[in-house]
Amino acid sequence: MAEALTRGVDTFTDFPASFLILGQERWLGAPAQTPVLIGFAGAMWLLVHRSTFGRSLRAIGFAPEGAYYAGIPVRRVLITVYVLTGLTAAMAAILYTARLGQAKADAGMGYELLAITGVVLGGVSIFGGVGSVHGTLLGVAAIAVLNNGLMHVRQPREVAGMLTGLLLLVALSGSEFMKRLANRNRGWQRSPSSTERV
């Protein structure tokens, strides 16, 4: 729809100053987006870690069928998650547009890798059921530090993309290794000892 409405080439500018404040002003020395980030992160932390909805999310992530038979309305919870994801993406788009002072249909292309790498670095399992809001924030902060550092040493954006991809591979490999190690330790604990077998 965005491509069709803008014909893929139109760039929108001339936003009012009251809108640009969200992305370009500083409040008490911090960017104006900081209160929005803190508010969203705090609300999501309470929702995920201190509510029955968050427990339902983890249960669905571990085993959707098991969650369904446990009485969790899986379809309703997933629809709610998609709606919350859309609202969060919309808020991010508003802040991004206010930051740049312009809007294009393809703005934000290529940020998918950064998003996935940030959450995986923060301990979120791509297989579901494991993750935390504070871990995700730390993962995103690590990506931001990496990108800013490369920008300061005048490295091309391609280098940042390669390093981000490498970080994602390392994080996924480490997560899989830890999972297998935990399963192996669990198996050792369950198996009877040699004296018990005798």
Protein backbone atom coordinates (compact mmCIF):
# COMPACT_ATOMS: atom_id res chain seq x y z
CA MET A 1 0.00 0.00 0.00
CA ALA A 2 2.82 2.40 0.86
CA GLU A 3 4.51 1.70 -2.46
CA ALA A 4 1.27 2.19 -4.36
CA LEU A 5 0.30 5.44 -2.61
CA THR A 6 3.72 6.99 -3.11
CA ARG A 7 4.42 5.36 -6.50
CA GLY A 8 7.63 4.13 -4.92
CA VAL A 9 9.46 7.40 -5.49
CA ASP A 10 7.65 10.13 -3.57
CA THR A 11 9.36 11.49 -0.46
CA PHE A 12 7.27 13.41 2.04
CA THR A 13 8.82 16.37 3.83
CA ASP A 14 7.72 19.72 5.32
CA PHE A 15 6.45 18.18 8.55
CA PRO A 16 5.38 20.63 11.27
CA ALA A 17 7.91 21.55 13.92
CA SER A 18 5.67 20.10 16.64
CA PHE A 19 6.07 16.68 14.99
CA LEU A 20 9.82 16.93 14.41
CA ILE A 21 10.35 17.58 18.12
CA LEU A 22 9.79 13.84 18.71
CA GLY A 23 12.90 12.98 16.73
CA GLN A 24 15.21 15.98 16.75
CA GLU A 25 14.88 17.75 20.10
CA ARG A 26 16.60 16.94 23.39
CA TRP A 27 14.93 16.99 26.80
CA LEU A 28 17.17 17.37 29.85
CA GLY A 29 20.16 16.41 27.71
CA ALA A 30 18.59 13.19 26.40
CA PRO A 31 16.94 12.61 23.00
CA ALA A 32 13.21 13.22 22.96
CA GLN A 33 12.63 9.57 22.06
CA THR A 34 14.01 8.42 25.42
CA PRO A 35 10.73 8.81 27.40
CA VAL A 36 8.89 6.89 24.67
CA LEU A 37 11.46 4.08 24.81
CA ILE A 38 11.32 3.91 28.61
CA GLY A 39 7.51 3.94 28.60
CA PHE A 40 7.21 1.24 25.95
CA ALA A 41 9.92 -0.94 27.51
CA GLY A 42 8.35 -0.60 30.96
CA ALA A 43 4.88 -1.46 29.70
CA MET A 44 6.17 -4.47 27.76
CA TRP A 45 8.21 -5.66 30.74
CA LEU A 46 5.13 -5.61 32.96
CA LEU A 47 3.07 -7.33 30.27
CA VAL A 48 5.61 -10.09 29.58
CA HIS A 49 7.05 -10.69 33.05
CA ARG A 50 4.31 -9.72 35.48
CA SER A 51 1.03 -10.82 33.92
CA THR A 52 -0.84 -13.99 33.03
CA PHE A 53 -0.66 -12.84 29.41
CA GLY A 54 3.14 -13.10 29.51
CA ARG A 55 2.97 -16.57 31.02
CA SER A 56 0.56 -17.54 28.27
CA LEU A 57 3.05 -16.28 25.69
CA ARG A 58 5.84 -18.45 27.07
CA ALA A 59 3.55 -21.47 27.25
CA ILE A 60 2.52 -21.00 23.62
CA GLY A 61 6.16 -20.57 22.63
CA PHE A 62 7.14 -23.84 24.31
CA ALA A 63 4.21 -25.90 23.01
CA PRO A 64 1.16 -24.37 21.27
CA GLU A 65 -0.83 -27.57 21.42
CA GLY A 66 -0.05 -28.06 25.10
CA ALA A 67 -1.07 -24.46 25.80
CA TYR A 68 -4.36 -25.02 23.95
CA TYR A 69 -5.18 -28.12 25.99
CA ALA A 70 -4.24 -26.21 29.15
CA GLY A 71 -7.09 -23.80 28.42
CA ILE A 72 -5.10 -20.89 26.99
CA PRO A 73 -6.91 -19.09 24.14
CA VAL A 74 -3.97 -19.49 21.74
CA ARG A 75 -5.59 -17.81 18.74
CA ARG A 76 -6.68 -14.75 20.73
CA VAL A 77 -3.27 -14.37 22.39
CA LEU A 78 -1.45 -14.59 19.05
CA ILE A 79 -3.77 -12.03 17.46
CA THR A 80 -3.11 -9.70 20.40
CA VAL A 81 0.65 -10.18 19.95
CA TYR A 82 0.42 -9.29 16.25
CA VAL A 83 -1.62 -6.18 17.07
CA LEU A 84 0.91 -5.09 19.71
CA THR A 85 3.73 -5.73 17.24
CA GLY A 86 1.99 -3.56 14.64
CA LEU A 87 1.45 -0.76 17.16
CA THR A 88 5.09 -0.88 18.22
CA ALA A 89 6.27 -0.83 14.60
CA ALA A 90 3.97 2.13 13.92
CA MET A 91 5.44 4.05 16.87
CA ALA A 92 8.96 3.24 15.66
CA ALA A 93 8.03 4.50 12.18
CA ILE A 94 6.70 7.76 13.61
CA LEU A 95 9.88 8.35 15.62
CA TYR A 96 12.06 7.38 12.64
CA THR A 97 10.21 9.81 10.38
CA ALA A 98 10.44 12.59 12.96
CA ARG A 99 14.16 11.91 13.32
CA LEU A 100 14.92 12.16 9.59
CA GLY A 101 12.29 14.78 8.75
CA GLN A 102 11.15 12.81 5.73
CA ALA A 103 9.16 9.69 4.89
CA LYS A 104 9.58 7.16 2.08
CA ALA A 105 7.75 3.93 1.35
CA ASP A 106 10.93 1.87 1.66
CA ALA A 107 12.26 3.57 4.81
CA GLY A 108 13.51 1.01 7.30
CA MET A 109 14.47 -1.58 4.69
CA GLY A 110 17.36 -3.67 5.97
CA TYR A 111 16.53 -3.19 9.64
CA GLU A 112 15.13 -6.74 9.83
CA LEU A 113 18.62 -8.20 10.34
CA LEU A 114 19.34 -5.70 13.12
CA ALA A 115 16.07 -6.52 14.86
CA ILE A 116 16.58 -10.29 14.71
CA THR A 117 20.21 -10.04 15.82
CA GLY A 118 19.30 -7.75 18.71
CA VAL A 119 16.68 -10.07 20.17
CA VAL A 120 18.79 -13.21 19.66
CA LEU A 121 21.77 -11.53 21.33
CA GLY A 122 19.42 -10.65 24.17
CA GLY A 123 18.66 -14.31 24.81
CA VAL A 124 15.41 -14.73 22.88
CA SER A 125 15.06 -18.19 21.36
CA ILE A 126 13.91 -18.24 17.73
CA PHE A 127 12.21 -21.54 18.57
CA GLY A 128 9.95 -19.79 21.10
CA GLY A 129 9.25 -19.89 24.80
CA VAL A 130 12.45 -18.17 26.00
CA GLY A 131 13.29 -14.48 26.19
CA SER A 132 13.04 -11.29 28.20
CA VAL A 133 12.44 -7.61 27.58
CA HIS A 134 15.55 -6.48 29.47
CA GLY A 135 17.68 -9.00 27.58
CA THR A 136 16.33 -7.68 24.29
CA LEU A 137 17.19 -4.12 25.33
CA LEU A 138 20.76 -5.19 26.08
CA GLY A 139 21.02 -6.94 22.72
CA VAL A 140 19.74 -3.88 20.87
CA ALA A 141 22.15 -1.68 22.83
CA ALA A 142 25.03 -3.93 21.74
CA ILE A 143 24.01 -3.54 18.09
CA ALA A 144 23.74 0.24 18.50
CA VAL A 145 27.22 0.44 20.08
CA LEU A 146 28.65 -1.66 17.23
CA ASN A 147 27.08 0.50 14.52
CA ASN A 148 28.08 3.78 16.20
CA GLY A 149 31.64 2.55 16.71
CA LEU A 150 31.99 1.59 13.06
CA MET A 151 30.55 4.96 12.04
CA HIS A 152 33.12 6.80 14.16
CA VAL A 153 36.01 4.89 12.58
CA ARG A 154 34.55 5.66 9.14
CA GLN A 155 33.84 2.09 8.10
CA PRO A 156 31.33 1.49 5.27
CA ARG A 157 27.83 0.28 6.10
CA GLU A 158 28.59 -3.05 4.43
CA VAL A 159 31.06 -3.82 7.23
CA ALA A 160 28.34 -3.22 9.82
CA GLY A 161 26.04 -5.57 7.92
CA MET A 162 28.68 -8.31 7.77
CA LEU A 163 29.54 -7.98 11.46
CA THR A 164 25.85 -7.99 12.40
CA GLY A 165 25.33 -11.18 10.39
CA LEU A 166 28.39 -12.73 12.05
CA LEU A 167 27.04 -11.78 15.48
CA LEU A 168 23.72 -13.42 14.60
CA LEU A 169 25.45 -16.65 13.55
CA VAL A 170 27.55 -16.70 16.73
CA ALA A 171 24.50 -16.03 18.91
CA LEU A 172 22.46 -18.77 17.22
CA SER A 173 25.32 -21.26 17.43
CA GLY A 174 25.89 -20.44 21.09
CA SER A 175 22.18 -20.78 21.85
CA GLU A 176 22.01 -24.16 20.13
CA PHE A 177 25.17 -25.35 21.91
CA MET A 178 23.80 -24.34 25.32
CA LYS A 179 20.50 -26.06 24.56
CA ARG A 180 22.21 -29.31 23.65
CA LEU A 181 24.47 -29.09 26.70
CA ALA A 182 21.46 -28.57 28.96
CA ASN A 183 19.67 -31.55 27.38
CA ARG A 184 22.77 -33.72 27.80
CA ASN A 185 23.12 -32.74 31.47
CA ARG A 186 19.44 -33.45 31.99
CA GLY A 187 19.94 -36.88 30.44
CA TRP A 188 22.89 -37.61 32.73
CA GLN A 189 20.85 -36.66 35.78
CA ARG A 190 17.99 -38.94 34.78
CA SER A 191 20.13 -41.98 33.88
CA PRO A 192 20.81 -44.37 36.78
CA SER A 193 24.35 -44.63 38.08
CA SER A 194 26.49 -47.69 37.53
CA THR A 195 25.90 -48.93 41.11
CA GLU A 196 22.14 -48.63 40.66
CA ARG A 197 22.32 -50.65 37.45
CA VAL A 198 24.18 -53.44 39.27
